[in-house]
Amino acid sequence: MYLSELSGQIQCRKSRRFRDADIAGIAVDSKHILQGDLFVCFAGGEHDGHDFAGEAVEAGAVALVVERELDLPVPQLIVEDGRRAATELSAAFYGHPERKLKIIGITGTNGKTTTAHMLTSILSAAGKTCGNIGTLGIYYANKEISPELTTPDPTFLYKVFADMVESGVEYAVMEVSAHALYFGKTDGIAFEAGIFTNLTEDHLDFFKTMEAYAAAKEKLFEPGRCRFAVLNSDDPEGRKIEKNCEGAYSYGLENPADVFAVDIRENFDGCSYVINLFDELYDIHLRMTGLHNVYNSMAAAACAKLLGVSVPIIAAGLSGLKRVRGRLEYVARYRGADIFVDFAHTPDGLEKSLTALKRHCAGRLICVFGCGGNRDAAKRPLMGEISARCADFTVLTSDNPRYEDPFDIVVQIEAGVRRVSDRYVIVVDRESAIEYAVDQLREGDVLLIAGKGGENYQEIMGVKHIYNDITAVRGILAAKLTENERRDEK
């Protein structure tokens, strides 16, 4: 597509030495420039793309989109908002694939990933071709793309949408983060449906206040953004959105709702309940435990019913989903104790996971967790206090320290633990912490390893080292089994 064609898709003026150019792609990161790309500049949280425009031109960019004209020998389109331009240009460059897909957006602090996978399973059971975009990566048409961001940048997102259309995908189920909404990454998408899961403390390092964080989430439900909305009536923010949202439907357990559950039964293997789905009753069986997963499944079921899926198919889709990677995932049994891994990385998420396991724990509940570096530090003592209150013993450790000293992070968590209990230990190295916890296990105990879930890396000083909690557990248990066999031989 030529630059002159793209210029007609946005509000802009042309640079003094403008000339047309054949554009091969669109990029916002100078490190990822390919020959023939259009490089879009805007100020980011830490960097300003204008400072890297020269580097982009040297790497092969043939034109620029800028918020101020630069002294560089390539044609430039001058815009007021580079971020908005990146979204509009990406949509136009790939032929507006978002208009050819039925896109469901899911936002909320916790539960986005599980709800997305539940809805995808239901739609697949209904014979629909689906794509899934979120924290665990991108999946569609037998393709898998490793995760980078919960919601990809528009230059990549629209490329994925275009390939989904080419691959015959009908529905795209995507997690929409508060950051993505704040920065307008999904502006211009007319969502078939929007789902709101909950709002609890997270990302206050960026948003500063819960009001600002909530305002970002609310953008998904502005007039004209969603054909209909599915909202958690037990969450104050969900009720707030419902008052101002057309086409709103609710789910919940504690407040009046269009969709609710009764006769809930839980165990380690999963949950069963009777759903009232817009006055249709049906037995639901999940292979995931926890009341929070009852909520996630109600959200997915409500959305699917509004999309035209029958209740028996909804039930089949929910029961057919074996697990969601790293979401309260059962890993192993050792010495008569059960070991789980979960992504819980917020106060609310950790409390829900620990509470779910505590209900079925015959012995002690042991929790291993840490908090990420260079992120919301205020939640660290809160999570420490929650673990001390809900678990019988806590092992404090590292979790993606990034550019912070992991011991400093642990000390901040410890302050919360000490308000409640002295039943804890600090083991900064994460794998060593897991091994320590495994060594403490006895018959009837439950071990929760929280914070990373399905992540496959540990980020330290800007470098992502290969690491996975489940792999670590299995390696530790295999080594102990071998050690025991050697002892038996002796």
Protein backbone atom coordinates (compact mmCIF):
# COMPACT_ATOMS: atom_id res chain seq x y z
CA MET A 1 0.00 0.00 0.00
CA TYR A 2 1.27 3.46 -0.86
CA LEU A 3 1.87 6.19 1.71
CA SER A 4 -0.53 8.49 -0.16
CA GLU A 5 -3.32 5.94 0.33
CA LEU A 6 -2.58 5.58 4.03
CA SER A 7 -2.45 9.34 4.53
CA GLY A 8 -6.09 9.50 3.53
CA GLN A 9 -7.01 7.23 6.47
CA ILE A 10 -5.89 9.65 9.21
CA GLN A 11 -6.01 13.34 10.09
CA CYS A 12 -2.55 14.57 9.14
CA ARG A 13 -0.51 17.06 7.17
CA LYS A 14 2.42 16.17 4.95
CA SER A 15 6.02 17.23 5.47
CA ARG A 16 7.57 19.86 3.24
CA ARG A 17 9.53 17.35 1.16
CA PHE A 18 6.74 14.78 0.95
CA ARG A 19 6.96 12.13 -1.75
CA ASP A 20 5.02 8.91 -2.15
CA ALA A 21 6.45 5.60 -0.98
CA ASP A 22 5.47 1.95 -1.16
CA ILE A 23 4.85 0.81 2.42
CA ALA A 24 5.64 -2.82 3.24
CA GLY A 25 4.62 -2.74 6.91
CA ILE A 26 4.00 -0.57 9.97
CA ALA A 27 6.20 -0.51 13.08
CA VAL A 28 6.37 1.35 16.39
CA ASP A 29 9.60 -0.21 17.67
CA SER A 30 12.84 0.82 15.95
CA LYS A 31 14.39 -2.54 16.90
CA HIS A 32 11.85 -4.39 14.77
CA ILE A 33 12.11 -2.35 11.55
CA LEU A 34 12.11 -4.18 8.22
CA GLN A 35 12.98 -2.69 4.84
CA GLY A 36 10.08 -0.61 3.51
CA ASP A 37 8.34 -0.05 6.86
CA LEU A 38 6.45 3.04 7.98
CA PHE A 39 7.71 3.99 11.46
CA VAL A 40 5.18 5.64 13.78
CA CYS A 41 6.59 7.90 16.52
CA PHE A 42 5.00 8.82 19.84
CA ALA A 43 6.08 9.36 23.42
CA GLY A 44 5.90 6.26 25.60
CA GLY A 45 6.13 5.75 29.32
CA GLU A 46 9.93 5.79 29.37
CA HIS A 47 10.93 6.56 25.77
CA ASP A 48 9.97 8.88 22.94
CA GLY A 49 9.81 7.22 19.54
CA HIS A 50 10.96 10.44 17.88
CA ASP A 51 14.39 9.89 19.49
CA PHE A 52 14.71 6.60 17.60
CA ALA A 53 13.43 7.76 14.21
CA GLY A 54 16.95 8.13 12.79
CA GLU A 55 17.77 4.59 13.87
CA ALA A 56 14.57 3.39 12.19
CA VAL A 57 15.45 5.12 8.92
CA GLU A 58 18.93 3.58 8.97
CA ALA A 59 17.31 0.16 9.51
CA GLY A 60 15.07 0.53 6.44
CA ALA A 61 12.06 2.71 7.30
CA VAL A 62 11.03 4.60 4.15
CA ALA A 63 8.60 7.03 5.84
CA LEU A 64 7.64 8.34 9.26
CA VAL A 65 4.51 9.32 11.15
CA VAL A 66 5.47 12.00 13.66
CA GLU A 67 3.93 14.44 16.11
CA ARG A 68 6.58 17.03 15.16
CA GLU A 69 8.51 17.22 11.89
CA LEU A 70 12.01 15.78 12.10
CA ASP A 71 15.15 16.68 10.19
CA LEU A 72 15.37 13.36 8.37
CA PRO A 73 15.43 12.72 4.59
CA VAL A 74 12.23 10.65 4.37
CA PRO A 75 8.59 11.65 3.81
CA GLN A 76 6.65 12.33 7.00
CA LEU A 77 3.01 12.46 8.00
CA ILE A 78 2.50 14.90 10.89
CA VAL A 79 -0.28 14.01 13.34
CA GLU A 80 -1.52 15.21 16.72
CA ASP A 81 -1.56 11.76 18.34
CA GLY A 82 0.92 9.13 17.17
CA ARG A 83 -0.67 6.34 19.20
CA ARG A 84 -4.06 6.92 17.61
CA ALA A 85 -2.45 7.11 14.19
CA ALA A 86 -0.72 3.76 14.75
CA THR A 87 -4.07 2.12 15.46
CA GLU A 88 -5.87 3.74 12.52
CA LEU A 89 -3.03 3.04 10.08
CA SER A 90 -2.69 -0.60 11.18
CA ALA A 91 -6.40 -1.19 10.65
CA ALA A 92 -6.29 0.42 7.20
CA PHE A 93 -3.04 -1.29 6.13
CA TYR A 94 -4.47 -4.76 6.81
CA GLY A 95 -7.83 -4.00 5.19
CA HIS A 96 -9.85 -3.56 8.37
CA PRO A 97 -9.92 -7.25 9.39
CA GLU A 98 -11.63 -6.29 12.66
CA ARG A 99 -14.79 -5.65 10.64
CA LYS A 100 -14.76 -9.24 9.34
CA LEU A 101 -14.47 -10.90 12.75
CA LYS A 102 -16.86 -11.21 15.67
CA ILE A 103 -14.64 -9.95 18.48
CA ILE A 104 -15.38 -10.49 22.17
CA GLY A 105 -13.37 -8.37 24.60
CA ILE A 106 -12.85 -9.42 28.22
CA THR A 107 -11.56 -6.98 30.84
CA GLY A 108 -11.15 -7.09 34.62
CA THR A 109 -8.38 -7.50 37.16
CA ASN A 110 -8.66 -11.28 37.53
CA GLY A 111 -10.31 -14.05 35.55
CA LYS A 112 -9.77 -12.73 32.02
CA THR A 113 -7.68 -15.68 30.83
CA THR A 114 -9.88 -18.40 32.29
CA THR A 115 -13.08 -16.75 31.06
CA ALA A 116 -11.59 -16.36 27.58
CA HIS A 117 -10.62 -20.03 27.42
CA MET A 118 -14.02 -21.11 28.72
CA LEU A 119 -15.81 -19.03 26.08
CA THR A 120 -13.49 -20.32 23.35
CA SER A 121 -14.23 -23.90 24.43
CA ILE A 122 -17.97 -23.23 24.29
CA LEU A 123 -17.84 -21.62 20.85
CA SER A 124 -15.66 -24.46 19.56
CA ALA A 125 -18.19 -26.98 20.92
CA ALA A 126 -20.82 -25.05 18.95
CA GLY A 127 -18.84 -25.60 15.76
CA LYS A 128 -17.47 -22.07 15.51
CA THR A 129 -13.91 -21.34 14.40
CA CYS A 130 -12.23 -19.33 17.14
CA GLY A 131 -9.07 -17.43 17.91
CA ASN A 132 -7.84 -16.57 21.39
CA ILE A 133 -5.61 -13.61 22.27
CA GLY A 134 -4.34 -13.08 25.80
CA THR A 135 -1.82 -13.56 28.58
CA LEU A 136 -0.98 -17.14 27.59
CA GLY A 137 -0.38 -16.23 23.95
CA ILE A 138 -2.34 -16.27 20.70
CA TYR A 139 -4.05 -19.41 19.41
CA TYR A 140 -6.00 -19.99 16.19
CA ALA A 141 -6.13 -22.36 13.22
CA ASN A 142 -3.51 -24.71 14.73
CA LYS A 143 -1.15 -21.76 15.19
CA GLU A 144 0.41 -20.66 18.46
CA ILE A 145 2.24 -17.38 19.08
CA SER A 146 4.16 -16.90 22.32
CA PRO A 147 2.86 -14.17 24.64
CA GLU A 148 4.42 -10.73 24.84
CA LEU A 149 1.61 -8.51 26.10
CA THR A 150 -1.90 -9.40 27.27
CA THR A 151 -3.23 -7.17 24.47
CA PRO A 152 -0.75 -6.81 21.58
CA ASP A 153 0.18 -3.44 20.11
CA PRO A 154 -2.06 -2.45 17.16
CA THR A 155 0.66 -3.00 14.54
CA PHE A 156 0.78 -6.68 15.52
CA LEU A 157 -2.83 -7.06 16.64
CA TYR A 158 -4.24 -6.13 13.24
CA LYS A 159 -1.73 -8.35 11.50
CA VAL A 160 -3.04 -11.24 13.62
CA PHE A 161 -6.64 -10.25 12.88
CA ALA A 162 -5.87 -10.28 9.15
CA ASP A 163 -4.34 -13.74 9.36
CA MET A 164 -7.30 -14.96 11.40
CA VAL A 165 -9.64 -13.81 8.62
CA GLU A 166 -7.40 -15.49 6.03
CA SER A 167 -7.45 -18.68 8.14
CA GLY A 168 -11.24 -18.79 8.30
CA VAL A 169 -11.63 -17.68 11.91
CA GLU A 170 -15.10 -16.36 12.76
CA TYR A 171 -14.78 -15.39 16.44
CA ALA A 172 -11.82 -13.73 18.17
CA VAL A 173 -11.94 -13.89 21.96
CA MET A 174 -9.43 -11.46 23.43
CA GLU A 175 -8.32 -10.20 26.81
CA VAL A 176 -8.34 -6.41 26.91
CA SER A 177 -6.05 -4.98 29.58
CA ALA A 178 -6.55 -1.66 31.33
CA HIS A 179 -3.28 -0.43 29.77
CA ALA A 180 -4.52 -1.34 26.30
CA LEU A 181 -7.75 0.58 26.88
CA TYR A 182 -5.91 3.56 28.36
CA PHE A 183 -3.57 3.79 25.36
CA GLY A 184 -6.36 3.25 22.83
CA LYS A 185 -5.01 0.00 21.40
CA THR A 186 -8.52 -1.29 20.75
CA ASP A 187 -10.08 2.01 19.67
CA GLY A 188 -11.97 1.49 16.44
CA ILE A 189 -12.98 -2.09 17.21
CA ALA A 190 -16.73 -2.64 17.38
CA PHE A 191 -16.89 -5.53 19.83
CA GLU A 192 -19.60 -8.11 19.41
CA ALA A 193 -19.59 -8.39 23.20
CA GLY A 194 -17.72 -7.08 26.21
CA ILE A 195 -17.28 -9.00 29.47
CA PHE A 196 -16.33 -7.45 32.82
CA THR A 197 -15.01 -9.86 35.47
CA ASN A 198 -14.07 -7.75 38.51
CA LEU A 199 -12.03 -4.80 39.75
CA THR A 200 -9.51 -5.22 42.56
CA GLU A 201 -6.20 -3.58 43.37
CA ASP A 202 -3.50 -3.88 40.71
CA HIS A 203 -1.34 -1.67 38.48
CA LEU A 204 -1.47 1.30 40.85
CA ASP A 205 2.18 1.97 40.01
CA PHE A 206 0.81 3.20 36.67
CA PHE A 207 -2.76 4.34 37.35
CA LYS A 208 -2.03 5.77 40.83
CA THR A 209 -5.67 5.54 41.99
CA MET A 210 -8.41 2.92 41.78
CA GLU A 211 -10.64 5.55 40.18
CA ALA A 212 -8.20 5.99 37.28
CA TYR A 213 -7.79 2.22 36.96
CA ALA A 214 -11.57 1.77 36.87
CA ALA A 215 -11.95 4.56 34.28
CA ALA A 216 -9.63 2.68 31.93
CA LYS A 217 -11.70 -0.52 32.25
CA GLU A 218 -14.90 1.44 31.64
CA LYS A 219 -13.69 2.51 28.18
CA LEU A 220 -14.60 -0.94 26.83
CA PHE A 221 -18.24 -0.23 27.64
CA GLU A 222 -18.58 3.28 26.25
CA PRO A 223 -21.53 3.86 23.88
CA GLY A 224 -21.01 2.15 20.56
CA ARG A 225 -18.09 -0.05 21.68
CA CYS A 226 -20.01 -3.30 22.39
CA ARG A 227 -23.21 -4.74 20.94
CA PHE A 228 -23.93 -6.08 24.42
CA ALA A 229 -22.13 -6.28 27.76
CA VAL A 230 -21.89 -9.08 30.34
CA LEU A 231 -21.20 -7.66 33.80
CA ASN A 232 -20.46 -9.02 37.28
CA SER A 233 -23.36 -7.81 39.46
CA ASP A 234 -21.46 -8.74 42.66
CA ASP A 235 -18.71 -6.24 41.88
CA PRO A 236 -19.43 -2.54 42.63
CA GLU A 237 -17.70 -1.53 39.39
CA GLY A 238 -19.84 -3.98 37.44
CA ARG A 239 -22.98 -2.43 38.87
CA LYS A 240 -21.66 1.04 38.07
CA ILE A 241 -21.00 0.11 34.44
CA GLU A 242 -24.46 -1.49 34.14
CA LYS A 243 -26.17 1.81 35.02
CA ASN A 244 -24.50 3.59 32.12
CA CYS A 245 -24.36 0.80 29.53
CA GLU A 246 -26.93 -0.11 26.92
CA GLY A 247 -27.45 -3.79 26.20
CA ALA A 248 -26.14 -4.83 29.62
CA TYR A 249 -26.70 -8.28 31.14
CA SER A 250 -25.53 -9.45 34.54
CA TYR A 251 -24.25 -12.54 36.33
CA GLY A 252 -23.64 -13.08 40.03
CA LEU A 253 -24.39 -14.98 43.22
CA GLU A 254 -25.07 -12.31 45.83
CA ASN A 255 -27.09 -9.68 43.94
CA PRO A 256 -29.99 -9.94 41.48
CA ALA A 257 -28.66 -11.07 38.10
CA ASP A 258 -29.78 -12.43 34.74
CA VAL A 259 -27.50 -15.43 35.24
CA PHE A 260 -26.80 -17.10 38.58
CA ALA A 261 -25.87 -20.46 40.12
CA VAL A 262 -27.37 -22.61 42.87
CA ASP A 263 -26.42 -25.89 44.56
CA ILE A 264 -22.69 -25.26 44.12
CA ARG A 265 -20.45 -28.23 44.97
CA GLU A 266 -16.64 -28.04 44.99
CA ASN A 267 -13.74 -30.44 45.39
CA PHE A 268 -10.15 -30.70 44.20
CA ASP A 269 -11.30 -32.14 40.87
CA GLY A 270 -13.65 -29.30 39.99
CA CYS A 271 -17.07 -27.72 40.57
CA SER A 272 -20.67 -28.63 39.83
CA TYR A 273 -23.71 -26.37 40.03
CA VAL A 274 -27.08 -25.64 38.52
CA ILE A 275 -27.04 -22.56 36.33
CA ASN A 276 -30.03 -20.31 35.80
CA LEU A 277 -29.19 -18.93 32.39
CA PHE A 278 -31.81 -16.35 31.48
CA ASP A 279 -34.42 -18.60 33.19
CA GLU A 280 -33.13 -21.82 31.62
CA LEU A 281 -31.86 -24.33 34.19
CA TYR A 282 -29.03 -26.76 33.48
CA ASP A 283 -26.40 -28.81 35.33
CA ILE A 284 -22.86 -27.49 34.85
CA HIS A 285 -19.69 -29.45 35.57
CA LEU A 286 -16.24 -27.79 35.57
CA ARG A 287 -12.85 -29.46 35.79
CA MET A 288 -11.53 -26.46 37.75
CA THR A 289 -12.16 -25.81 41.41
CA GLY A 290 -12.88 -22.53 43.20
CA LEU A 291 -15.86 -20.22 43.50
CA HIS A 292 -14.04 -17.72 41.28
CA ASN A 293 -14.26 -20.27 38.46
CA VAL A 294 -18.02 -20.49 38.97
CA TYR A 295 -18.07 -16.74 38.28
CA ASN A 296 -15.79 -17.12 35.25
CA SER A 297 -17.98 -19.88 33.83
CA MET A 298 -21.19 -17.87 34.37
CA ALA A 299 -19.65 -14.96 32.46
CA ALA A 300 -18.66 -17.23 29.58
CA ALA A 301 -22.04 -18.98 29.57
CA ALA A 302 -23.99 -15.71 29.57
CA CYS A 303 -21.97 -14.35 26.68
CA ALA A 304 -22.30 -17.57 24.68
CA LYS A 305 -26.09 -17.65 25.17
CA LEU A 306 -26.34 -14.07 23.94
CA LEU A 307 -24.28 -15.12 20.91
CA GLY A 308 -26.91 -17.76 20.15
CA VAL A 309 -25.36 -20.94 21.59
CA SER A 310 -27.80 -23.41 23.14
CA VAL A 311 -27.58 -24.25 26.84
CA PRO A 312 -26.66 -27.96 26.33
CA ILE A 313 -23.77 -26.93 24.07
CA ILE A 314 -22.67 -24.34 26.64
CA ALA A 315 -22.60 -27.06 29.31
CA ALA A 316 -20.65 -29.38 27.00
CA GLY A 317 -18.13 -26.66 26.20
CA LEU A 318 -17.52 -25.89 29.87
CA SER A 319 -17.16 -29.53 30.90
CA GLY A 320 -14.89 -30.21 27.92
CA LEU A 321 -12.26 -27.69 29.05
CA LYS A 322 -9.77 -29.79 31.03
CA ARG A 323 -7.68 -26.95 32.40
CA VAL A 324 -6.24 -23.51 31.72
CA ARG A 325 -2.47 -23.50 31.94
CA GLY A 326 -1.21 -22.08 35.22
CA ARG A 327 -4.67 -21.26 36.57
CA LEU A 328 -5.08 -23.23 39.80
CA GLU A 329 -3.49 -26.11 37.91
CA TYR A 330 -2.99 -29.43 39.65
CA VAL A 331 0.64 -30.51 39.22
CA ALA A 332 1.45 -33.55 41.34
CA ARG A 333 0.89 -35.57 44.49
CA TYR A 334 3.82 -36.14 46.85
CA ARG A 335 3.80 -37.86 50.25
CA GLY A 336 0.02 -37.78 50.15
CA ALA A 337 -0.01 -34.00 49.59
CA ASP A 338 -1.35 -32.13 46.56
CA ILE A 339 0.60 -29.44 44.69
CA PHE A 340 -1.02 -26.64 42.67
CA VAL A 341 0.36 -23.77 40.57
CA ASP A 342 -1.59 -20.55 40.03
CA PHE A 343 -1.09 -17.17 38.36
CA ALA A 344 -2.47 -15.31 41.41
CA HIS A 345 -0.44 -12.10 41.51
CA THR A 346 -2.89 -9.67 43.12
CA PRO A 347 -4.29 -9.56 46.67
CA ASP A 348 -7.74 -10.62 45.48
CA GLY A 349 -6.39 -13.39 43.24
CA LEU A 350 -4.19 -14.85 45.97
CA GLU A 351 -7.03 -14.79 48.50
CA LYS A 352 -9.44 -16.52 46.12
CA SER A 353 -6.96 -19.27 45.24
CA LEU A 354 -5.98 -19.93 48.86
CA THR A 355 -9.62 -19.90 49.96
CA ALA A 356 -10.58 -22.37 47.24
CA LEU A 357 -7.86 -24.82 48.30
CA LYS A 358 -8.41 -24.36 52.04
CA ARG A 359 -11.96 -25.70 51.77
CA HIS A 360 -10.64 -29.12 50.77
CA CYS A 361 -7.37 -29.23 52.69
CA ALA A 362 -7.24 -31.99 55.31
CA GLY A 363 -3.79 -30.96 56.55
CA ARG A 364 -1.82 -27.73 56.27
CA LEU A 365 -2.08 -25.23 53.44
CA ILE A 366 1.39 -24.01 52.42
CA CYS A 367 1.87 -21.05 50.10
CA VAL A 368 4.98 -20.13 48.09
CA PHE A 369 4.83 -16.72 46.44
CA GLY A 370 6.61 -13.46 45.67
CA CYS A 371 5.81 -10.15 43.98
CA GLY A 372 7.16 -8.71 40.76
CA GLY A 373 9.70 -5.92 40.72
CA ASN A 374 9.13 -2.42 39.30
CA ARG A 375 5.39 -2.84 39.67
CA ASP A 376 2.74 -1.85 42.22
CA ALA A 377 4.69 -2.02 45.49
CA ALA A 378 1.68 -1.14 47.65
CA LYS A 379 0.17 -4.59 47.15
CA ARG A 380 3.22 -6.42 48.53
CA PRO A 381 2.40 -6.21 52.27
CA LEU A 382 -1.29 -6.76 51.47
CA MET A 383 -0.48 -10.06 49.76
CA GLY A 384 1.80 -11.02 52.63
CA GLU A 385 -1.02 -10.45 55.10
CA ILE A 386 -3.45 -12.47 52.98
CA SER A 387 -1.10 -15.44 52.77
CA ALA A 388 -0.45 -15.32 56.51
CA ARG A 389 -4.19 -15.23 57.20
CA CYS A 390 -5.33 -17.85 54.67
CA ALA A 391 -2.39 -20.28 54.65
CA ASP A 392 -0.90 -22.21 57.54
CA PHE A 393 2.67 -21.54 56.43
CA THR A 394 4.21 -19.17 53.87
CA VAL A 395 7.46 -19.36 51.94
CA LEU A 396 8.41 -15.90 50.63
CA THR A 397 10.49 -15.87 47.47
CA SER A 398 11.31 -14.06 44.22
CA ASP A 399 8.99 -13.49 41.25
CA ASN A 400 10.28 -11.51 38.26
CA PRO A 401 12.35 -9.02 40.28
CA ARG A 402 13.20 -7.13 37.09
CA TYR A 403 15.51 -4.26 38.13
CA GLU A 404 14.83 -4.46 41.87
CA ASP A 405 16.76 -6.41 44.49
CA PRO A 406 14.57 -9.49 45.12
CA PHE A 407 15.41 -9.46 48.84
CA ASP A 408 14.11 -5.90 49.16
CA ILE A 409 10.80 -7.01 47.60
CA VAL A 410 10.53 -9.97 49.96
CA VAL A 411 11.15 -7.74 52.99
CA GLN A 412 8.22 -5.54 51.94
CA ILE A 413 5.98 -8.62 51.67
CA GLU A 414 7.26 -9.83 55.05
CA ALA A 415 5.95 -6.66 56.72
CA GLY A 416 2.42 -7.80 55.90
CA VAL A 417 3.02 -11.40 56.97
CA ARG A 418 4.31 -10.33 60.37
CA ARG A 419 1.09 -8.44 61.14
CA VAL A 420 -0.67 -11.79 61.33
CA SER A 421 1.76 -14.67 61.84
CA ASP A 422 5.29 -15.81 62.49
CA ARG A 423 4.74 -19.03 60.51
CA TYR A 424 6.87 -18.16 57.47
CA VAL A 425 10.35 -18.42 56.03
CA ILE A 426 12.29 -16.48 53.39
CA VAL A 427 14.03 -18.38 50.57
CA VAL A 428 14.87 -15.85 47.87
CA ASP A 429 15.79 -18.26 45.05
CA ARG A 430 12.42 -19.41 43.68
CA GLU A 431 13.32 -23.00 42.78
CA SER A 432 15.01 -23.47 46.16
CA ALA A 433 11.89 -22.05 47.83
CA ILE A 434 9.71 -24.60 46.05
CA GLU A 435 12.04 -27.41 47.05
CA TYR A 436 11.97 -26.22 50.67
CA ALA A 437 8.15 -26.25 50.62
CA VAL A 438 8.03 -29.69 49.02
CA ASP A 439 10.27 -31.02 51.79
CA GLN A 440 7.76 -29.83 54.40
CA LEU A 441 4.81 -31.72 52.89
CA ARG A 442 2.94 -34.38 54.83
CA GLU A 443 -0.17 -36.47 54.24
CA GLY A 444 -3.22 -34.26 53.64
CA ASP A 445 -1.25 -31.05 53.01
CA VAL A 446 -1.78 -28.76 50.02
CA LEU A 447 0.94 -26.62 48.46
CA LEU A 448 0.07 -23.56 46.36
CA ILE A 449 2.86 -22.03 44.28
CA ALA A 450 1.50 -18.64 43.25
CA GLY A 451 2.41 -15.65 41.11
CA LYS A 452 3.79 -17.03 37.85
CA GLY A 453 1.30 -19.64 36.71
CA GLY A 454 2.00 -20.48 33.08
CA GLU A 455 4.90 -18.06 32.62
CA ASN A 456 8.01 -19.57 31.09
CA TYR A 457 10.58 -17.08 32.30
CA GLN A 458 12.04 -15.30 35.29
CA GLU A 459 12.90 -11.66 34.47
CA ILE A 460 16.07 -10.44 36.18
CA MET A 461 17.87 -7.18 35.28
CA GLY A 462 16.12 -6.95 31.92
CA VAL A 463 16.93 -10.54 30.92
CA LYS A 464 14.25 -13.23 30.70
CA HIS A 465 15.72 -16.50 31.95
CA ILE A 466 13.95 -19.73 31.01
CA TYR A 467 11.95 -20.87 34.03
CA ASN A 468 8.56 -22.45 34.74
CA ASP A 469 7.04 -23.38 38.11
CA ILE A 470 5.49 -26.63 36.90
CA THR A 471 8.73 -27.74 35.27
CA ALA A 472 10.57 -26.85 38.49
CA VAL A 473 8.18 -28.93 40.62
CA ARG A 474 8.44 -31.95 38.35
CA GLY A 475 12.23 -31.69 38.27
CA ILE A 476 12.40 -31.49 42.06
CA LEU A 477 10.11 -34.49 42.50
CA ALA A 478 12.00 -36.52 39.90
CA ALA A 479 15.28 -35.82 41.69
CA LYS A 480 13.77 -36.85 45.04
CA LEU A 481 12.40 -40.05 43.56
CA THR A 482 15.84 -40.91 42.14
CA GLU A 483 17.45 -40.11 45.49
CA ASN A 484 14.98 -42.37 47.31
CA GLU A 485 15.64 -45.19 44.84
CA ARG A 486 19.36 -44.89 45.47
CA ARG A 487 18.78 -45.10 49.20
CA ASP A 488 16.62 -48.20 48.74
CA GLU A 489 19.39 -49.84 46.69
CA LYS A 490 21.85 -49.26 49.52
